[in-house]
């Protein structure tokens, strides 16, 4: 068999996607930066560093050679958001489909991942896969639904859905690439805030209120940047927000929980193998919002916490003391 789909990035999410894609016996090529991880995957069918719970199918093959990935017709990019430009640039992707599976905004430029990919791989056709997904559940074959937003419209959707859909992995079509990206990026930051609420022991009422008000911030930001309301209310927006704001299986939620319990962001992030994208997204998201005069007080509070500028209880008290006003979704 010859691989038709490649997954670039062998962290937990990339490994889970490779396992899901190989579940029907189709060959999948998985790129990992670490040579020792490539050897482990090929020899033992495990990824003890990032997804120890999974036993990988025989049709998953790992490589550390980016040139080997470049010619595959479909690539799922699962590198951390801040490394997408360098990895795509090193690969020299000339054509084919590039499906963006990492959620974030590029620090320093404020670009969404689709903008980064267009510049790094101008001959490729871009799509975004986003939605409520925990890696260990996808790898285990549990039912999952996602948004697959395609710049190439329905023709690209037909091509990609045939390559990606599996009995327990169901992609839904959209052509709103910006909306799918924005939902995924903003929810990571809001998940940190929900983790803080949990770490402080403030209860389920507070978390539900924060999810609701955070969703209003997501909508304000998304609509200002050209996203559609129905996309933000779907799997890649509200669906992903609810999942990642409700469980320590979320890296961003668990980071926030540690902050609420008194840890510093530097200590928590420094002790991890995996990346909590919300920590990198929060400051650039807040800067874009300020420049566009978009009110995002929860996002601003997360930035304050990540910078260590105030204790978690003081930051939450600041949110609770904001002026009272009417509840309207977009204000």
C-alpha atoms as a PDB file:
ATOM      1  CA  UNK A   1       0.000   0.000   0.000  1.00  0.00           C
ATOM      2  CA  UNK A   2       1.035   3.584  -0.654  1.00  0.00           C
ATOM      3  CA  UNK A   3       0.054   6.283   1.799  1.00  0.00           C
ATOM      4  CA  UNK A   4      -2.390   8.824   0.425  1.00  0.00           C
ATOM      5  CA  UNK A   5      -2.668  10.798   3.655  1.00  0.00           C
ATOM      6  CA  UNK A   6       0.149  12.155   5.772  1.00  0.00           C
ATOM      7  CA  UNK A   7      -0.020  13.567   9.293  1.00  0.00           C
ATOM      8  CA  UNK A   8       2.667  16.121  10.144  1.00  0.00           C
ATOM      9  CA  UNK A   9       3.230  16.179  13.881  1.00  0.00           C
ATOM     10  CA  UNK A  10       3.284  13.175  16.226  1.00  0.00           C
ATOM     11  CA  UNK A  11       2.021  14.795  19.393  1.00  0.00           C
ATOM     12  CA  UNK A  12      -1.125  13.435  21.019  1.00  0.00           C
ATOM     13  CA  UNK A  13      -3.514  14.914  18.444  1.00  0.00           C
ATOM     14  CA  UNK A  14      -1.432  14.023  15.401  1.00  0.00           C
ATOM     15  CA  UNK A  15      -0.940  10.457  16.643  1.00  0.00           C
ATOM     16  CA  UNK A  16      -4.666  10.111  17.339  1.00  0.00           C
ATOM     17  CA  UNK A  17      -5.526  11.342  13.835  1.00  0.00           C
ATOM     18  CA  UNK A  18      -3.045   8.902  12.280  1.00  0.00           C
ATOM     19  CA  UNK A  19      -4.531   6.010  14.260  1.00  0.00           C
ATOM     20  CA  UNK A  20      -8.089   7.013  13.306  1.00  0.00           C
ATOM     21  CA  UNK A  21      -7.173   7.285   9.623  1.00  0.00           C
ATOM     22  CA  UNK A  22      -5.480   3.874   9.714  1.00  0.00           C
ATOM     23  CA  UNK A  23      -8.396   2.191  11.457  1.00  0.00           C
ATOM     24  CA  UNK A  24      -9.671   0.701   8.184  1.00  0.00           C
ATOM     25  CA  UNK A  25      -6.250  -0.535   7.090  1.00  0.00           C
ATOM     26  CA  UNK A  26      -5.279   2.371   4.865  1.00  0.00           C
ATOM     27  CA  UNK A  27      -1.624   3.342   5.107  1.00  0.00           C
ATOM     28  CA  UNK A  28      -0.869   6.611   6.878  1.00  0.00           C
ATOM     29  CA  UNK A  29       2.508   8.331   7.040  1.00  0.00           C
ATOM     30  CA  UNK A  30       3.193  10.128  10.335  1.00  0.00           C
ATOM     31  CA  UNK A  31       5.996  12.686  10.604  1.00  0.00           C
ATOM     32  CA  UNK A  32       7.777  13.143  13.936  1.00  0.00           C
ATOM     33  CA  UNK A  33      10.653  15.483  14.658  1.00  0.00           C
ATOM     34  CA  UNK A  34      12.243  13.149  17.218  1.00  0.00           C
ATOM     35  CA  UNK A  35      14.207  10.251  15.695  1.00  0.00           C
ATOM     36  CA  UNK A  36      13.709   8.124  18.807  1.00  0.00           C
ATOM     37  CA  UNK A  37       9.949   8.569  18.554  1.00  0.00           C
ATOM     38  CA  UNK A  38       9.974   7.489  14.904  1.00  0.00           C
ATOM     39  CA  UNK A  39      11.863   4.359  15.933  1.00  0.00           C
ATOM     40  CA  UNK A  40       9.443   3.611  18.790  1.00  0.00           C
ATOM     41  CA  UNK A  41       6.331   4.010  16.633  1.00  0.00           C
ATOM     42  CA  UNK A  42       7.671   1.769  13.885  1.00  0.00           C
ATOM     43  CA  UNK A  43       9.098  -0.859  16.217  1.00  0.00           C
ATOM     44  CA  UNK A  44       6.586  -0.963  19.069  1.00  0.00           C
ATOM     45  CA  UNK A  45       3.417   0.671  17.656  1.00  0.00           C
ATOM     46  CA  UNK A  46       3.340   3.047  20.633  1.00  0.00           C
ATOM     47  CA  UNK A  47       3.919   6.734  21.370  1.00  0.00           C
ATOM     48  CA  UNK A  48       4.832   6.660  25.038  1.00  0.00           C
ATOM     49  CA  UNK A  49       5.823  10.338  25.067  1.00  0.00           C
ATOM     50  CA  UNK A  50       2.569  11.917  23.866  1.00  0.00           C
ATOM     51  CA  UNK A  51      -0.218   9.296  23.681  1.00  0.00           C
ATOM     52  CA  UNK A  52       0.708   6.282  25.828  1.00  0.00           C
ATOM     53  CA  UNK A  53      -2.851   4.922  25.892  1.00  0.00           C
ATOM     54  CA  UNK A  54      -2.904   4.134  22.152  1.00  0.00           C
ATOM     55  CA  UNK A  55      -1.741   1.014  20.341  1.00  0.00           C
ATOM     56  CA  UNK A  56      -1.103   2.077  16.752  1.00  0.00           C
ATOM     57  CA  UNK A  57      -2.298   0.142  13.720  1.00  0.00           C
ATOM     58  CA  UNK A  58       0.295  -1.677  11.569  1.00  0.00           C
ATOM     59  CA  UNK A  59      -0.553   0.635   8.658  1.00  0.00           C
ATOM     60  CA  UNK A  60       0.765   3.711  10.511  1.00  0.00           C
ATOM     61  CA  UNK A  61       4.362   4.328   9.476  1.00  0.00           C
ATOM     62  CA  UNK A  62       6.495   7.065  11.041  1.00  0.00           C
ATOM     63  CA  UNK A  63       9.229   9.116   9.376  1.00  0.00           C
ATOM     64  CA  UNK A  64      11.413  12.095  10.237  1.00  0.00           C
ATOM     65  CA  UNK A  65      11.926  13.013   6.575  1.00  0.00           C
ATOM     66  CA  UNK A  66       9.803  16.024   5.588  1.00  0.00           C
ATOM     67  CA  UNK A  67      10.634  15.492   1.916  1.00  0.00           C
ATOM     68  CA  UNK A  68       8.818  12.156   2.109  1.00  0.00           C
ATOM     69  CA  UNK A  69       5.659  13.970   3.202  1.00  0.00           C
ATOM     70  CA  UNK A  70       5.732  16.677   0.538  1.00  0.00           C
ATOM     71  CA  UNK A  71       4.442  14.574  -2.350  1.00  0.00           C
ATOM     72  CA  UNK A  72       1.404  13.088  -0.572  1.00  0.00           C
ATOM     73  CA  UNK A  73      -1.917  14.327  -1.968  1.00  0.00           C
ATOM     74  CA  UNK A  74      -3.415  15.091   1.473  1.00  0.00           C
ATOM     75  CA  UNK A  75      -1.501  16.426   4.464  1.00  0.00           C
ATOM     76  CA  UNK A  76      -2.937  17.022   7.925  1.00  0.00           C
ATOM     77  CA  UNK A  77      -0.787  19.658   9.628  1.00  0.00           C
ATOM     78  CA  UNK A  78      -0.748  19.061  13.382  1.00  0.00           C
ATOM     79  CA  UNK A  79       2.436  20.894  14.358  1.00  0.00           C
ATOM     80  CA  UNK A  80       2.066  23.510  17.114  1.00  0.00           C
ATOM     81  CA  UNK A  81       0.646  26.703  15.626  1.00  0.00           C
ATOM     82  CA  UNK A  82       3.822  28.701  16.194  1.00  0.00           C
ATOM     83  CA  UNK A  83       5.860  26.239  14.077  1.00  0.00           C
ATOM     84  CA  UNK A  84       3.494  25.861  11.121  1.00  0.00           C
ATOM     85  CA  UNK A  85       5.300  28.377   8.913  1.00  0.00           C
ATOM     86  CA  UNK A  86       8.750  26.877   9.443  1.00  0.00           C
ATOM     87  CA  UNK A  87       7.628  23.264   8.940  1.00  0.00           C
ATOM     88  CA  UNK A  88       5.613  24.007   5.797  1.00  0.00           C
ATOM     89  CA  UNK A  89       8.449  26.143   4.464  1.00  0.00           C
ATOM     90  CA  UNK A  90      11.001  23.393   5.055  1.00  0.00           C
ATOM     91  CA  UNK A  91       8.748  20.878   3.344  1.00  0.00           C
ATOM     92  CA  UNK A  92       8.400  22.929   0.165  1.00  0.00           C
ATOM     93  CA  UNK A  93       4.782  21.904  -0.410  1.00  0.00           C
ATOM     94  CA  UNK A  94       3.919  22.725  -4.036  1.00  0.00           C
ATOM     95  CA  UNK A  95       0.354  21.421  -4.469  1.00  0.00           C
ATOM     96  CA  UNK A  96      -2.303  19.149  -3.015  1.00  0.00           C
ATOM     97  CA  UNK A  97      -4.522  19.571   0.042  1.00  0.00           C
ATOM     98  CA  UNK A  98      -3.226  21.005   3.328  1.00  0.00           C
ATOM     99  CA  UNK A  99      -5.631  20.442   6.209  1.00  0.00           C
ATOM    100  CA  UNK A 100      -4.857  22.597   9.250  1.00  0.00           C
ATOM    101  CA  UNK A 101      -5.514  20.788  12.525  1.00  0.00           C
ATOM    102  CA  UNK A 102      -3.680  23.053  14.998  1.00  0.00           C
ATOM    103  CA  UNK A 103      -5.600  25.848  16.701  1.00  0.00           C
ATOM    104  CA  UNK A 104      -3.990  29.196  17.327  1.00  0.00           C
ATOM    105  CA  UNK A 105      -2.876  32.608  16.107  1.00  0.00           C
ATOM    106  CA  UNK A 106       0.712  33.267  15.086  1.00  0.00           C
ATOM    107  CA  UNK A 107       2.547  35.321  17.695  1.00  0.00           C
ATOM    108  CA  UNK A 108       4.219  38.437  16.356  1.00  0.00           C
ATOM    109  CA  UNK A 109       2.094  38.649  13.205  1.00  0.00           C
ATOM    110  CA  UNK A 110      -1.472  38.033  14.412  1.00  0.00           C
ATOM    111  CA  UNK A 111      -2.103  35.756  11.425  1.00  0.00           C
ATOM    112  CA  UNK A 112      -4.549  32.883  11.492  1.00  0.00           C
ATOM    113  CA  UNK A 113      -3.139  29.528  10.451  1.00  0.00           C
ATOM    114  CA  UNK A 114      -4.775  29.649   7.008  1.00  0.00           C
ATOM    115  CA  UNK A 115      -2.961  32.908   6.265  1.00  0.00           C
ATOM    116  CA  UNK A 116       0.317  31.358   7.419  1.00  0.00           C
ATOM    117  CA  UNK A 117      -0.254  28.281   5.235  1.00  0.00           C
ATOM    118  CA  UNK A 118      -1.121  30.314   2.130  1.00  0.00           C
ATOM    119  CA  UNK A 119       2.185  32.145   2.361  1.00  0.00           C
ATOM    120  CA  UNK A 120       4.261  29.043   3.175  1.00  0.00           C
ATOM    121  CA  UNK A 121       2.596  26.757   0.615  1.00  0.00           C
ATOM    122  CA  UNK A 122       1.096  29.023  -2.072  1.00  0.00           C
ATOM    123  CA  UNK A 123       0.349  26.157  -4.452  1.00  0.00           C
ATOM    124  CA  UNK A 124      -1.670  24.127  -1.958  1.00  0.00           C
ATOM    125  CA  UNK A 125      -5.402  24.178  -1.315  1.00  0.00           C
ATOM    126  CA  UNK A 126      -6.196  24.967   2.318  1.00  0.00           C
ATOM    127  CA  UNK A 127      -8.793  23.424   4.628  1.00  0.00           C
ATOM    128  CA  UNK A 128      -9.351  23.561   8.389  1.00  0.00           C
ATOM    129  CA  UNK A 129     -10.386  20.629  10.595  1.00  0.00           C
ATOM    130  CA  UNK A 130     -11.678  21.725  13.975  1.00  0.00           C
ATOM    131  CA  UNK A 131     -14.190  20.632  16.573  1.00  0.00           C
ATOM    132  CA  UNK A 132     -14.723  19.038  19.988  1.00  0.00           C
ATOM    133  CA  UNK A 133     -12.030  16.372  20.103  1.00  0.00           C
ATOM    134  CA  UNK A 134      -9.952  14.775  22.819  1.00  0.00           C
ATOM    135  CA  UNK A 135      -7.050  12.857  21.296  1.00  0.00           C
ATOM    136  CA  UNK A 136      -7.359   9.742  23.446  1.00  0.00           C
ATOM    137  CA  UNK A 137     -11.043   9.323  22.519  1.00  0.00           C
ATOM    138  CA  UNK A 138     -10.384   9.702  18.782  1.00  0.00           C
ATOM    139  CA  UNK A 139      -7.544   7.176  18.996  1.00  0.00           C
ATOM    140  CA  UNK A 140      -9.841   4.757  20.824  1.00  0.00           C
ATOM    141  CA  UNK A 141     -12.432   4.974  18.045  1.00  0.00           C
ATOM    142  CA  UNK A 142     -15.102   6.741  20.094  1.00  0.00           C
ATOM    143  CA  UNK A 143     -17.701   8.717  18.080  1.00  0.00           C
ATOM    144  CA  UNK A 144     -16.516  12.186  17.075  1.00  0.00           C
ATOM    145  CA  UNK A 145     -17.910  14.963  14.865  1.00  0.00           C
ATOM    146  CA  UNK A 146     -15.878  17.879  13.501  1.00  0.00           C
ATOM    147  CA  UNK A 147     -16.090  20.801  11.104  1.00  0.00           C
ATOM    148  CA  UNK A 148     -14.108  20.505   7.873  1.00  0.00           C
ATOM    149  CA  UNK A 149     -13.959  23.990   6.355  1.00  0.00           C
ATOM    150  CA  UNK A 150     -12.676  24.044   2.769  1.00  0.00           C
ATOM    151  CA  UNK A 151     -11.388  27.017   0.803  1.00  0.00           C
ATOM    152  CA  UNK A 152     -11.897  24.972  -2.349  1.00  0.00           C
ATOM    153  CA  UNK A 153     -15.617  24.600  -1.724  1.00  0.00           C
ATOM    154  CA  UNK A 154     -17.607  21.447  -2.255  1.00  0.00           C
ATOM    155  CA  UNK A 155     -15.166  19.920  -4.755  1.00  0.00           C
ATOM    156  CA  UNK A 156     -12.417  19.958  -2.132  1.00  0.00           C
ATOM    157  CA  UNK A 157     -14.877  18.768   0.506  1.00  0.00           C
ATOM    158  CA  UNK A 158     -15.829  15.728  -1.567  1.00  0.00           C
ATOM    159  CA  UNK A 159     -12.164  14.866  -2.039  1.00  0.00           C
ATOM    160  CA  UNK A 160     -11.192  15.352   1.604  1.00  0.00           C
ATOM    161  CA  UNK A 161     -14.242  13.771   3.193  1.00  0.00           C
ATOM    162  CA  UNK A 162     -13.554  10.590   1.212  1.00  0.00           C
ATOM    163  CA  UNK A 163      -9.988  10.592   2.580  1.00  0.00           C
ATOM    164  CA  UNK A 164     -10.754  11.545   6.180  1.00  0.00           C
ATOM    165  CA  UNK A 165     -14.213  10.310   7.198  1.00  0.00           C
ATOM    166  CA  UNK A 166     -14.423   7.030   9.094  1.00  0.00           C
ATOM    167  CA  UNK A 167     -17.394   5.244  10.742  1.00  0.00           C
ATOM    168  CA  UNK A 168     -16.724   6.933  14.103  1.00  0.00           C
ATOM    169  CA  UNK A 169     -15.173  10.167  12.751  1.00  0.00           C
ATOM    170  CA  UNK A 170     -17.727  12.357  11.022  1.00  0.00           C
ATOM    171  CA  UNK A 171     -16.717  15.642   9.331  1.00  0.00           C
ATOM    172  CA  UNK A 172     -19.370  18.272   8.544  1.00  0.00           C
ATOM    173  CA  UNK A 173     -18.827  20.612   5.590  1.00  0.00           C
ATOM    174  CA  UNK A 174     -18.333  24.366   5.801  1.00  0.00           C
ATOM    175  CA  UNK A 175     -16.751  26.963   3.543  1.00  0.00           C
ATOM    176  CA  UNK A 176     -16.195  29.378   6.461  1.00  0.00           C
ATOM    177  CA  UNK A 177     -12.491  28.818   7.017  1.00  0.00           C
ATOM    178  CA  UNK A 178     -12.091  31.944   9.166  1.00  0.00           C
ATOM    179  CA  UNK A 179     -14.979  30.927  11.437  1.00  0.00           C
ATOM    180  CA  UNK A 180     -13.612  27.421  11.978  1.00  0.00           C
ATOM    181  CA  UNK A 181     -10.187  28.822  12.822  1.00  0.00           C
ATOM    182  CA  UNK A 182     -11.377  31.578  15.131  1.00  0.00           C
ATOM    183  CA  UNK A 183     -13.581  29.262  17.177  1.00  0.00           C
ATOM    184  CA  UNK A 184     -10.694  26.868  17.752  1.00  0.00           C
ATOM    185  CA  UNK A 185      -8.227  29.607  18.674  1.00  0.00           C
ATOM    186  CA  UNK A 186     -10.461  31.571  21.038  1.00  0.00           C
ATOM    187  CA  UNK A 187     -11.837  28.543  22.899  1.00  0.00           C
ATOM    188  CA  UNK A 188      -8.304  27.576  23.983  1.00  0.00           C
ATOM    189  CA  UNK A 189      -7.961  30.862  25.857  1.00  0.00           C
ATOM    190  CA  UNK A 190     -11.427  30.589  27.395  1.00  0.00           C
ATOM    191  CA  UNK A 191     -10.628  27.033  28.527  1.00  0.00           C
ATOM    192  CA  UNK A 192      -7.741  28.427  30.591  1.00  0.00           C
ATOM    193  CA  UNK A 193     -10.206  30.767  32.302  1.00  0.00           C
ATOM    194  CA  UNK A 194     -12.581  27.897  33.069  1.00  0.00           C
ATOM    195  CA  UNK A 195      -9.706  25.926  34.530  1.00  0.00           C
ATOM    196  CA  UNK A 196      -8.939  28.847  36.834  1.00  0.00           C
ATOM    197  CA  UNK A 197     -12.540  28.796  38.073  1.00  0.00           C
ATOM    198  CA  UNK A 198     -12.170  25.081  38.820  1.00  0.00           C
ATOM    199  CA  UNK A 199      -8.809  25.566  40.510  1.00  0.00           C
ATOM    200  CA  UNK A 200     -10.278  28.243  42.774  1.00  0.00           C
ATOM    201  CA  UNK A 201     -13.212  25.996  43.664  1.00  0.00           C
ATOM    202  CA  UNK A 202     -15.813  28.521  42.500  1.00  0.00           C
ATOM    203  CA  UNK A 203     -18.351  25.917  41.424  1.00  0.00           C
ATOM    204  CA  UNK A 204     -20.356  24.822  38.405  1.00  0.00           C
ATOM    205  CA  UNK A 205     -22.541  27.948  38.303  1.00  0.00           C
ATOM    206  CA  UNK A 206     -19.479  30.120  37.787  1.00  0.00           C
ATOM    207  CA  UNK A 207     -18.107  27.868  35.061  1.00  0.00           C
ATOM    208  CA  UNK A 208     -21.419  27.847  33.170  1.00  0.00           C
ATOM    209  CA  UNK A 209     -21.577  31.640  33.368  1.00  0.00           C
ATOM    210  CA  UNK A 210     -18.011  31.934  32.122  1.00  0.00           C
ATOM    211  CA  UNK A 211     -18.666  29.622  29.169  1.00  0.00           C
ATOM    212  CA  UNK A 212     -21.709  31.705  28.215  1.00  0.00           C
ATOM    213  CA  UNK A 213     -19.958  35.046  28.521  1.00  0.00           C
ATOM    214  CA  UNK A 214     -16.856  33.628  26.848  1.00  0.00           C
ATOM    215  CA  UNK A 215     -18.979  32.526  23.907  1.00  0.00           C
ATOM    216  CA  UNK A 216     -20.200  36.121  23.598  1.00  0.00           C
ATOM    217  CA  UNK A 217     -16.546  37.221  23.377  1.00  0.00           C
ATOM    218  CA  UNK A 218     -15.878  34.569  20.718  1.00  0.00           C
ATOM    219  CA  UNK A 219     -18.823  35.846  18.688  1.00  0.00           C
ATOM    220  CA  UNK A 220     -17.793  39.485  18.971  1.00  0.00           C
ATOM    221  CA  UNK A 221     -14.280  38.692  17.840  1.00  0.00           C
ATOM    222  CA  UNK A 222     -15.293  36.270  15.108  1.00  0.00           C
ATOM    223  CA  UNK A 223     -17.930  38.465  13.513  1.00  0.00           C
ATOM    224  CA  UNK A 224     -15.527  41.419  13.507  1.00  0.00           C
ATOM    225  CA  UNK A 225     -13.013  39.295  11.565  1.00  0.00           C
ATOM    226  CA  UNK A 226     -15.487  37.980   9.006  1.00  0.00           C
ATOM    227  CA  UNK A 227     -16.636  34.693  10.551  1.00  0.00           C
ATOM    228  CA  UNK A 228     -20.255  33.606  10.289  1.00  0.00           C
ATOM    229  CA  UNK A 229     -22.439  33.300  13.382  1.00  0.00           C
ATOM    230  CA  UNK A 230     -23.640  29.803  12.450  1.00  0.00           C
ATOM    231  CA  UNK A 231     -20.045  28.544  12.295  1.00  0.00           C
ATOM    232  CA  UNK A 232     -19.266  29.951  15.727  1.00  0.00           C
ATOM    233  CA  UNK A 233     -22.433  28.285  17.060  1.00  0.00           C
ATOM    234  CA  UNK A 234     -21.422  24.925  15.577  1.00  0.00           C
ATOM    235  CA  UNK A 235     -18.920  22.167  16.283  1.00  0.00           C
ATOM    236  CA  UNK A 236     -15.781  24.253  15.770  1.00  0.00           C
ATOM    237  CA  UNK A 237     -17.038  27.066  18.017  1.00  0.00           C
ATOM    238  CA  UNK A 238     -19.549  26.377  20.759  1.00  0.00           C
ATOM    239  CA  UNK A 239     -19.089  22.604  20.565  1.00  0.00           C
ATOM    240  CA  UNK A 240     -15.336  22.801  21.059  1.00  0.00           C
ATOM    241  CA  UNK A 241     -15.744  25.470  23.735  1.00  0.00           C
ATOM    242  CA  UNK A 242     -18.050  23.306  25.858  1.00  0.00           C
ATOM    243  CA  UNK A 243     -15.728  20.284  25.649  1.00  0.00           C
ATOM    244  CA  UNK A 244     -12.468  22.035  26.466  1.00  0.00           C
ATOM    245  CA  UNK A 245     -13.987  24.116  29.262  1.00  0.00           C
ATOM    246  CA  UNK A 246     -15.231  21.047  31.101  1.00  0.00           C
ATOM    247  CA  UNK A 247     -12.381  18.566  31.583  1.00  0.00           C
ATOM    248  CA  UNK A 248      -8.791  18.279  32.727  1.00  0.00           C
ATOM    249  CA  UNK A 249      -8.244  16.201  29.572  1.00  0.00           C
ATOM    250  CA  UNK A 250      -7.934  19.637  27.964  1.00  0.00           C
ATOM    251  CA  UNK A 251      -4.350  20.909  28.218  1.00  0.00           C
ATOM    252  CA  UNK A 252      -5.618  24.493  28.368  1.00  0.00           C
ATOM    253  CA  UNK A 253      -8.164  23.730  31.099  1.00  0.00           C
ATOM    254  CA  UNK A 254      -5.558  21.895  33.161  1.00  0.00           C
ATOM    255  CA  UNK A 255      -3.159  24.851  32.784  1.00  0.00           C
ATOM    256  CA  UNK A 256      -5.859  27.187  34.093  1.00  0.00           C
ATOM    257  CA  UNK A 257      -6.657  24.833  36.965  1.00  0.00           C
ATOM    258  CA  UNK A 258      -2.993  24.909  38.014  1.00  0.00           C
ATOM    259  CA  UNK A 259      -3.012  28.721  37.830  1.00  0.00           C
ATOM    260  CA  UNK A 260      -6.126  28.806  40.006  1.00  0.00           C
ATOM    261  CA  UNK A 261      -4.386  26.569  42.525  1.00  0.00           C
ATOM    262  CA  UNK A 262      -1.483  29.021  42.765  1.00  0.00           C
ATOM    263  CA  UNK A 263       1.107  27.735  40.267  1.00  0.00           C
ATOM    264  CA  UNK A 264       2.888  30.043  37.847  1.00  0.00           C
ATOM    265  CA  UNK A 265       2.395  29.717  34.106  1.00  0.00           C
ATOM    266  CA  UNK A 266       6.146  29.410  33.557  1.00  0.00           C
ATOM    267  CA  UNK A 267       6.426  26.478  35.964  1.00  0.00           C
ATOM    268  CA  UNK A 268       3.437  24.619  34.534  1.00  0.00           C
ATOM    269  CA  UNK A 269       4.400  25.104  30.882  1.00  0.00           C
ATOM    270  CA  UNK A 270       8.054  24.305  31.538  1.00  0.00           C
ATOM    271  CA  UNK A 271       7.175  20.921  33.041  1.00  0.00           C
ATOM    272  CA  UNK A 272       5.123  19.731  30.048  1.00  0.00           C
ATOM    273  CA  UNK A 273       5.929  17.806  26.891  1.00  0.00           C
ATOM    274  CA  UNK A 274       2.737  18.974  25.206  1.00  0.00           C
ATOM    275  CA  UNK A 275       1.744  22.498  24.185  1.00  0.00           C
ATOM    276  CA  UNK A 276      -1.186  24.465  25.651  1.00  0.00           C
ATOM    277  CA  UNK A 277      -1.846  26.645  22.603  1.00  0.00           C
ATOM    278  CA  UNK A 278      -4.032  29.065  24.563  1.00  0.00           C
ATOM    279  CA  UNK A 279      -0.996  30.357  26.447  1.00  0.00           C
ATOM    280  CA  UNK A 280       0.539  31.557  23.172  1.00  0.00           C
ATOM    281  CA  UNK A 281      -2.747  32.683  21.633  1.00  0.00           C
ATOM    282  CA  UNK A 282      -3.995  34.787  24.566  1.00  0.00           C
ATOM    283  CA  UNK A 283      -1.630  37.794  24.281  1.00  0.00           C
ATOM    284  CA  UNK A 284      -1.923  38.118  20.505  1.00  0.00           C
ATOM    285  CA  UNK A 285      -5.698  37.633  20.660  1.00  0.00           C
ATOM    286  CA  UNK A 286      -5.967  40.358  23.282  1.00  0.00           C
ATOM    287  CA  UNK A 287      -3.794  42.705  21.199  1.00  0.00           C
ATOM    288  CA  UNK A 288      -5.923  42.209  18.076  1.00  0.00           C
ATOM    289  CA  UNK A 289      -9.077  42.798  20.128  1.00  0.00           C
ATOM    290  CA  UNK A 290      -7.687  46.033  21.608  1.00  0.00           C
ATOM    291  CA  UNK A 291      -6.633  47.315  18.189  1.00  0.00           C
ATOM    292  CA  UNK A 292     -10.120  46.640  16.816  1.00  0.00           C
ATOM    293  CA  UNK A 293     -11.926  47.909  19.929  1.00  0.00           C
ATOM    294  CA  UNK A 294     -13.493  44.499  20.621  1.00  0.00           C
ATOM    295  CA  UNK A 295     -14.438  43.946  24.260  1.00  0.00           C
ATOM    296  CA  UNK A 296     -12.906  40.686  25.563  1.00  0.00           C
ATOM    297  CA  UNK A 297     -12.563  41.015  29.350  1.00  0.00           C
ATOM    298  CA  UNK A 298     -12.169  37.276  29.978  1.00  0.00           C
ATOM    299  CA  UNK A 299      -9.330  37.057  27.459  1.00  0.00           C
ATOM    300  CA  UNK A 300      -7.685  40.097  29.079  1.00  0.00           C
ATOM    301  CA  UNK A 301      -7.981  38.405  32.482  1.00  0.00           C
ATOM    302  CA  UNK A 302      -6.243  35.292  31.159  1.00  0.00           C
ATOM    303  CA  UNK A 303      -3.372  37.425  29.834  1.00  0.00           C
ATOM    304  CA  UNK A 304      -2.997  39.036  33.259  1.00  0.00           C
ATOM    305  CA  UNK A 305      -2.794  35.599  34.883  1.00  0.00           C
ATOM    306  CA  UNK A 306      -0.305  34.224  32.356  1.00  0.00           C
ATOM    307  CA  UNK A 307       1.929  37.242  32.913  1.00  0.00           C
ATOM    308  CA  UNK A 308       1.747  36.719  36.676  1.00  0.00           C
ATOM    309  CA  UNK A 309       0.588  40.324  37.098  1.00  0.00           C
ATOM    310  CA  UNK A 310      -2.032  39.488  39.754  1.00  0.00           C
ATOM    311  CA  UNK A 311      -3.234  36.506  41.816  1.00  0.00           C
ATOM    312  CA  UNK A 312      -6.064  34.444  40.364  1.00  0.00           C
ATOM    313  CA  UNK A 313      -8.575  35.492  43.050  1.00  0.00           C
ATOM    314  CA  UNK A 314      -7.914  39.176  42.370  1.00  0.00           C
ATOM    315  CA  UNK A 315      -8.326  38.683  38.626  1.00  0.00           C
ATOM    316  CA  UNK A 316     -11.645  36.888  39.103  1.00  0.00           C
ATOM    317  CA  UNK A 317     -12.787  39.580  41.562  1.00  0.00           C
ATOM    318  CA  UNK A 318     -12.069  42.147  38.861  1.00  0.00           C
ATOM    319  CA  UNK A 319     -14.348  40.323  36.423  1.00  0.00           C
ATOM    320  CA  UNK A 320     -17.111  40.074  39.046  1.00  0.00           C
ATOM    321  CA  UNK A 321     -16.927  43.812  39.777  1.00  0.00           C
ATOM    322  CA  UNK A 322     -17.491  44.902  36.172  1.00  0.00           C
ATOM    323  CA  UNK A 323     -20.495  47.220  35.676  1.00  0.00           C
ATOM    324  CA  UNK A 324     -23.895  45.530  35.526  1.00  0.00           C
ATOM    325  CA  UNK A 325     -25.673  45.674  32.161  1.00  0.00           C
ATOM    326  CA  UNK A 326     -28.257  43.983  29.977  1.00  0.00           C
ATOM    327  CA  UNK A 327     -27.505  40.482  28.729  1.00  0.00           C
ATOM    328  CA  UNK A 328     -27.176  40.657  24.948  1.00  0.00           C
ATOM    329  CA  UNK A 329     -25.185  38.025  23.095  1.00  0.00           C
ATOM    330  CA  UNK A 330     -22.981  40.457  21.186  1.00  0.00           C
ATOM    331  CA  UNK A 331     -22.344  43.163  23.823  1.00  0.00           C
END
